[in-house]
Amino acid sequence: MAAYPQPGRVAGDIGVHDPTVVKRPEGGYLVAHTGTNVALKTSTDRITFRNAGAVFPGGAPWTTTYTNGSRNLWAPDLSYRNGRYLLYYSASTFGSNRSAIFLATSTTGASGSWTHEGLVVESRTSDNFNAIDPNLTIDDQGRWWLSFGSFWSGIKLIPIDPATGRRSGTAMHSLASYGPGIEAPVIVKRGAWYYLYVSFDRCCQGAASTYRTMVGRSAAPTGPFLDRAGRNMLSGGGTEILASHGSVHGPGHPAVLADHDGDLLFYHYYADNGVSLLGINRIGYDAAGWPYLF
């Protein structure tokens, strides 16, 4: 197995699952992650993180149809556009595809400041996809796209109306599939390529988790996404860039942050004691344009 780097130094409140991160216009960082009513953290320096409450401290009753009453909301996606934060997040129960992705917005990002903007996409048990794990991408033409998906037939992509942040039309593209388990897509444009990062295999098993982080790339956000060997991700392709090593178990659910000193991969991993922690590594690109971590 390749020698993967240890996570970079982090401190403070670093217990996370499914992290997402955005730079704040006034400086510092805002992180959201799976938790009660969507959990928030802040950092001034990308090293020390502090708990910052919940997106919906009073609860999110519109989600409970999908969560069987649980207040645990999953796999948020943060971005900052046109003077406001956009937060896509998931409502579901483990192993079910009766799921939904919702949108909230805020001008400050602070706990309790978020406005519920409504349902974006849902899946029912009769569907062959699962509407969780959202990620917003804006392409070179200014078009908005939301990728999502977990298990079932894999990763999907739908167009988003920039005026509302909600779904536009009924089109749905298939981007990637992997029989043993695939979820948590992230699409980022770098140079000539759109890179699709995903997690293969199983999360949520503590130190026994088998999550690993994979990548492919395409000239278009709608695909086809191929790995380094030329395999289509719709046929199970994907180039591994991070997997379990040493005391880092099941690293996955990636998020990519473009910062002043380069790209970074945020993810969670499980420690030997089964606790889920924040991992951050720098992303480099080799001569052929393939990402690697250091």
Protein backbone atom coordinates (compact mmCIF):
# COMPACT_ATOMS: atom_id res chain seq x y z
CA MET A 1 0.00 0.00 0.00
CA ALA A 2 1.17 3.53 -0.71
CA ALA A 3 2.60 5.51 2.18
CA TYR A 4 -0.06 8.09 2.89
CA PRO A 5 0.69 11.23 4.91
CA GLN A 6 -0.47 11.70 8.46
CA PRO A 7 -3.22 14.31 8.92
CA GLY A 8 -1.88 17.83 9.43
CA ARG A 9 -1.86 19.37 12.89
CA VAL A 10 -5.27 20.33 14.26
CA ALA A 11 -6.35 21.18 17.81
CA GLY A 12 -9.36 22.09 19.91
CA ASP A 13 -12.81 20.76 19.04
CA ILE A 14 -11.85 18.33 16.29
CA GLY A 15 -14.55 15.69 16.66
CA VAL A 16 -16.33 15.74 13.28
CA HIS A 17 -18.11 13.49 10.82
CA ASP A 18 -18.65 14.51 7.18
CA PRO A 19 -16.92 17.92 7.40
CA THR A 20 -17.35 20.79 4.96
CA VAL A 21 -15.51 24.10 5.11
CA VAL A 22 -15.59 27.60 3.66
CA LYS A 23 -13.40 30.67 4.05
CA ARG A 24 -15.19 33.58 5.69
CA PRO A 25 -15.04 36.97 3.94
CA GLU A 26 -13.89 38.64 7.16
CA GLY A 27 -11.17 36.00 7.67
CA GLY A 28 -11.09 32.60 9.30
CA TYR A 29 -13.03 29.46 8.51
CA LEU A 30 -16.49 28.04 9.04
CA VAL A 31 -16.96 24.28 9.24
CA ALA A 32 -20.25 22.39 9.24
CA HIS A 33 -20.59 18.67 9.88
CA THR A 34 -23.06 15.91 10.66
CA GLY A 35 -24.67 16.43 14.05
CA THR A 36 -27.75 17.53 15.95
CA ASN A 37 -29.52 20.13 13.76
CA VAL A 38 -26.24 20.41 11.73
CA ALA A 39 -23.17 21.23 13.82
CA LEU A 40 -20.88 24.24 13.29
CA LYS A 41 -17.26 25.00 14.14
CA THR A 42 -15.05 28.02 13.53
CA SER A 43 -11.30 28.53 13.24
CA THR A 44 -9.13 31.60 12.81
CA ASP A 45 -6.01 29.77 11.66
CA ARG A 46 -7.08 26.39 10.18
CA ILE A 47 -5.40 24.66 13.12
CA THR A 48 -7.50 25.32 16.23
CA PHE A 49 -11.23 24.68 15.89
CA ARG A 50 -14.00 25.68 18.28
CA ASN A 51 -17.60 24.48 18.52
CA ALA A 52 -20.02 27.17 17.33
CA GLY A 53 -23.45 25.72 18.01
CA ALA A 54 -25.96 24.38 15.53
CA VAL A 55 -27.41 25.71 12.29
CA PHE A 56 -30.94 25.19 13.66
CA PRO A 57 -30.71 25.44 17.47
CA GLY A 58 -34.51 25.34 17.65
CA GLY A 59 -34.75 22.22 15.53
CA ALA A 60 -35.66 21.51 11.91
CA PRO A 61 -39.14 19.93 12.02
CA TRP A 62 -39.40 19.80 8.22
CA THR A 63 -36.71 17.08 8.25
CA THR A 64 -38.24 14.63 10.70
CA THR A 65 -40.35 12.86 8.06
CA TYR A 66 -37.07 11.55 6.68
CA THR A 67 -35.21 11.00 9.98
CA ASN A 68 -37.90 9.11 11.93
CA GLY A 69 -37.89 11.98 14.38
CA SER A 70 -34.13 12.16 14.89
CA ARG A 71 -32.49 15.60 15.03
CA ASN A 72 -29.24 14.23 13.60
CA LEU A 73 -28.75 15.83 10.18
CA TRP A 74 -26.05 14.63 7.83
CA ALA A 75 -23.33 15.54 5.41
CA PRO A 76 -23.70 19.31 4.92
CA ASP A 77 -22.10 21.28 2.09
CA LEU A 78 -21.05 24.89 2.70
CA SER A 79 -20.28 27.59 0.18
CA TYR A 80 -20.25 31.38 0.12
CA ARG A 81 -21.80 33.11 -2.88
CA ASN A 82 -22.99 36.66 -3.51
CA GLY A 83 -22.77 37.80 0.10
CA ARG A 84 -24.38 34.80 1.76
CA TYR A 85 -23.61 31.30 2.91
CA LEU A 86 -25.41 28.39 1.28
CA LEU A 87 -25.78 25.16 3.20
CA TYR A 88 -27.10 22.00 1.59
CA TYR A 89 -27.69 19.17 4.07
CA SER A 90 -29.23 15.71 4.27
CA ALA A 91 -32.09 14.11 6.19
CA SER A 92 -32.32 10.31 6.27
CA THR A 93 -31.88 7.20 8.37
CA PHE A 94 -29.05 4.70 8.15
CA GLY A 95 -29.44 2.22 5.29
CA SER A 96 -32.57 3.87 3.85
CA ASN A 97 -32.98 5.85 0.64
CA ARG A 98 -36.09 7.63 1.90
CA SER A 99 -33.99 10.76 2.03
CA ALA A 100 -33.95 14.47 1.26
CA ILE A 101 -31.55 17.32 0.66
CA PHE A 102 -32.54 20.77 1.90
CA LEU A 103 -31.06 24.26 1.54
CA ALA A 104 -30.48 26.92 4.19
CA THR A 105 -28.90 30.37 3.78
CA SER A 106 -27.33 32.92 6.12
CA THR A 107 -25.49 36.23 5.78
CA THR A 108 -23.29 35.56 8.83
CA GLY A 109 -23.03 31.78 9.16
CA ALA A 110 -23.75 32.02 12.89
CA SER A 111 -25.85 29.52 14.81
CA GLY A 112 -29.53 30.45 14.65
CA SER A 113 -29.09 32.88 11.74
CA TRP A 114 -30.03 30.41 9.02
CA THR A 115 -33.15 30.65 6.86
CA HIS A 116 -34.86 27.45 5.73
CA GLU A 117 -35.05 27.69 1.92
CA GLY A 118 -36.86 24.43 1.26
CA LEU A 119 -36.48 21.00 -0.29
CA VAL A 120 -33.99 20.59 -3.14
CA VAL A 121 -34.29 16.90 -4.04
CA GLU A 122 -35.67 13.79 -2.37
CA SER A 123 -35.55 10.05 -2.96
CA ARG A 124 -38.12 7.40 -2.14
CA THR A 125 -37.70 3.70 -1.51
CA SER A 126 -38.86 3.05 -5.09
CA ASP A 127 -35.95 5.10 -6.48
CA ASN A 128 -32.58 3.65 -7.46
CA PHE A 129 -30.62 6.53 -5.91
CA ASN A 130 -30.21 8.11 -2.48
CA ALA A 131 -30.60 11.88 -1.97
CA ILE A 132 -27.89 12.53 0.62
CA ASP A 133 -24.31 13.88 0.57
CA PRO A 134 -24.81 17.07 -1.49
CA ASN A 135 -22.06 19.18 -3.07
CA LEU A 136 -22.58 22.40 -5.04
CA THR A 137 -20.38 23.08 -8.07
CA ILE A 138 -20.39 26.09 -10.40
CA ASP A 139 -18.92 25.38 -13.83
CA ASP A 140 -16.97 27.58 -16.21
CA GLN A 141 -20.19 28.71 -17.89
CA GLY A 142 -21.63 29.85 -14.58
CA ARG A 143 -24.09 26.98 -14.40
CA TRP A 144 -24.87 25.56 -10.95
CA TRP A 145 -24.89 21.82 -10.29
CA LEU A 146 -25.56 19.68 -7.24
CA SER A 147 -23.89 16.28 -7.01
CA PHE A 148 -25.05 13.78 -4.41
CA GLY A 149 -25.52 10.09 -3.80
CA SER A 150 -24.89 7.18 -1.48
CA PHE A 151 -24.85 3.48 -2.41
CA TRP A 152 -27.75 2.30 -4.66
CA SER A 153 -26.85 3.25 -8.27
CA GLY A 154 -24.22 5.74 -7.19
CA ILE A 155 -23.44 9.42 -7.70
CA LYS A 156 -25.91 11.73 -9.42
CA LEU A 157 -25.86 15.34 -10.68
CA ILE A 158 -28.77 17.76 -11.10
CA PRO A 159 -28.95 21.36 -12.36
CA ILE A 160 -29.58 24.08 -9.79
CA ASP A 161 -31.24 27.48 -10.35
CA PRO A 162 -28.72 30.14 -9.24
CA ALA A 163 -31.56 32.50 -8.33
CA THR A 164 -33.08 30.14 -5.76
CA GLY A 165 -30.41 27.52 -5.01
CA ARG A 166 -33.04 24.86 -5.67
CA ARG A 167 -33.45 22.29 -8.40
CA SER A 168 -33.97 23.42 -11.99
CA GLY A 169 -35.93 21.03 -14.20
CA THR A 170 -35.91 17.25 -13.95
CA ALA A 171 -32.57 16.27 -15.55
CA MET A 172 -30.40 13.86 -13.57
CA HIS A 173 -26.97 12.67 -14.72
CA SER A 174 -25.19 9.56 -13.46
CA LEU A 175 -21.50 10.16 -12.69
CA ALA A 176 -20.06 7.20 -10.79
CA SER A 177 -20.96 3.80 -9.40
CA TYR A 178 -19.17 1.21 -7.26
CA GLY A 179 -20.97 -1.90 -6.07
CA PRO A 180 -19.48 -2.30 -2.57
CA GLY A 181 -20.39 1.29 -1.70
CA ILE A 182 -19.82 4.82 -3.02
CA GLU A 183 -20.92 8.18 -1.61
CA ALA A 184 -19.87 11.70 -0.63
CA PRO A 185 -19.07 13.33 -4.00
CA VAL A 186 -17.16 16.58 -4.39
CA ILE A 187 -16.54 18.20 -7.78
CA VAL A 188 -13.87 20.90 -8.20
CA LYS A 189 -12.45 22.53 -11.34
CA ARG A 190 -8.68 22.88 -11.56
CA GLY A 191 -7.03 23.78 -14.84
CA ALA A 192 -8.64 21.89 -17.70
CA TRP A 193 -10.33 19.30 -15.51
CA TYR A 194 -13.30 18.78 -13.26
CA TYR A 195 -12.17 16.43 -10.50
CA LEU A 196 -14.70 14.15 -8.82
CA TYR A 197 -13.70 13.02 -5.33
CA VAL A 198 -15.75 10.26 -3.69
CA SER A 199 -15.59 7.79 -0.81
CA PHE A 200 -15.55 4.06 -1.56
CA ASP A 201 -16.60 1.27 0.82
CA ARG A 202 -17.92 1.67 4.37
CA CYS A 203 -18.00 4.48 6.89
CA CYS A 204 -19.47 4.54 10.37
CA GLN A 205 -17.85 1.36 11.73
CA GLY A 206 -15.40 3.11 14.04
CA ALA A 207 -11.84 1.82 13.70
CA ALA A 208 -13.18 -1.00 11.49
CA SER A 209 -14.35 1.52 8.84
CA THR A 210 -13.05 0.83 5.33
CA TYR A 211 -13.70 4.24 3.74
CA ARG A 212 -11.09 5.36 1.24
CA THR A 213 -10.90 8.49 -0.87
CA MET A 214 -10.93 8.14 -4.65
CA VAL A 215 -10.75 10.56 -7.58
CA GLY A 216 -11.43 10.75 -11.28
CA ARG A 217 -11.63 13.62 -13.75
CA SER A 218 -13.59 14.87 -16.73
CA ALA A 219 -13.61 17.78 -19.16
CA ALA A 220 -17.25 18.45 -18.19
CA PRO A 221 -19.14 18.43 -14.88
CA THR A 222 -21.59 15.92 -16.36
CA GLY A 223 -18.79 13.44 -17.13
CA PRO A 224 -17.58 10.99 -18.20
CA PHE A 225 -15.19 10.83 -15.24
CA LEU A 226 -12.17 8.59 -15.78
CA ASP A 227 -9.47 7.50 -13.35
CA ARG A 228 -5.71 7.54 -13.93
CA ALA A 229 -5.91 4.18 -15.71
CA GLY A 230 -8.69 5.39 -18.01
CA ARG A 231 -11.47 3.46 -16.29
CA ASN A 232 -14.89 5.08 -16.26
CA MET A 233 -16.13 5.81 -12.75
CA LEU A 234 -19.58 4.64 -13.85
CA SER A 235 -18.00 1.19 -14.15
CA GLY A 236 -16.31 1.23 -10.76
CA GLY A 237 -13.22 3.22 -11.72
CA GLY A 238 -11.43 5.54 -9.32
CA THR A 239 -7.85 6.36 -8.36
CA GLU A 240 -7.16 5.97 -4.64
CA ILE A 241 -5.49 8.96 -2.97
CA LEU A 242 -6.09 8.17 0.72
CA ALA A 243 -6.91 5.01 2.66
CA SER A 244 -6.49 3.56 6.14
CA HIS A 245 -2.91 3.64 7.42
CA GLY A 246 -1.50 3.30 10.92
CA SER A 247 -3.93 4.87 13.39
CA VAL A 248 -5.92 6.57 10.62
CA HIS A 249 -8.94 4.38 9.90
CA GLY A 250 -11.51 4.89 7.14
CA PRO A 251 -10.52 8.40 5.93
CA GLY A 252 -13.27 9.82 3.77
CA HIS A 253 -16.16 12.15 3.10
CA PRO A 254 -13.84 14.67 1.45
CA ALA A 255 -14.18 18.42 1.08
CA VAL A 256 -11.79 20.56 -0.96
CA LEU A 257 -10.83 24.05 0.20
CA ALA A 258 -9.05 26.46 -2.13
CA ASP A 259 -6.99 28.59 0.25
CA HIS A 260 -4.33 31.28 -0.13
CA ASP A 261 -1.59 28.65 0.17
CA GLY A 262 -3.11 26.04 -2.14
CA ASP A 263 -5.77 23.35 -2.10
CA LEU A 264 -6.54 21.31 1.00
CA LEU A 265 -8.53 18.16 1.59
CA PHE A 266 -10.72 18.12 4.70
CA TYR A 267 -12.07 14.71 5.74
CA HIS A 268 -12.92 12.62 8.76
CA TYR A 269 -11.17 9.51 9.98
CA TYR A 270 -11.51 7.20 12.95
CA ALA A 271 -8.85 6.92 15.64
CA ASP A 272 -7.93 3.58 17.20
CA ASN A 273 -10.58 4.18 19.89
CA GLY A 274 -13.30 4.64 17.25
CA VAL A 275 -13.70 8.41 17.67
CA SER A 276 -14.27 10.34 14.44
CA LEU A 277 -11.79 13.21 13.99
CA LEU A 278 -10.98 16.00 11.54
CA GLY A 279 -8.20 15.36 9.06
CA ILE A 280 -6.60 18.00 6.83
CA ASN A 281 -3.92 17.46 4.19
CA ARG A 282 -2.52 19.58 1.40
CA ILE A 283 -3.29 18.60 -2.18
CA GLY A 284 -0.54 18.57 -4.79
CA TYR A 285 -0.87 17.87 -8.50
CA ASP A 286 1.64 15.74 -10.39
CA ALA A 287 2.97 16.42 -13.89
CA ALA A 288 -0.08 14.73 -15.42
CA GLY A 289 -2.45 16.82 -13.30
CA TRP A 290 -3.47 14.06 -10.87
CA PRO A 291 -3.98 15.07 -7.25
CA TYR A 292 -2.03 13.56 -4.37
CA LEU A 293 -1.89 14.38 -0.65
CA PHE A 294 1.04 15.55 1.42
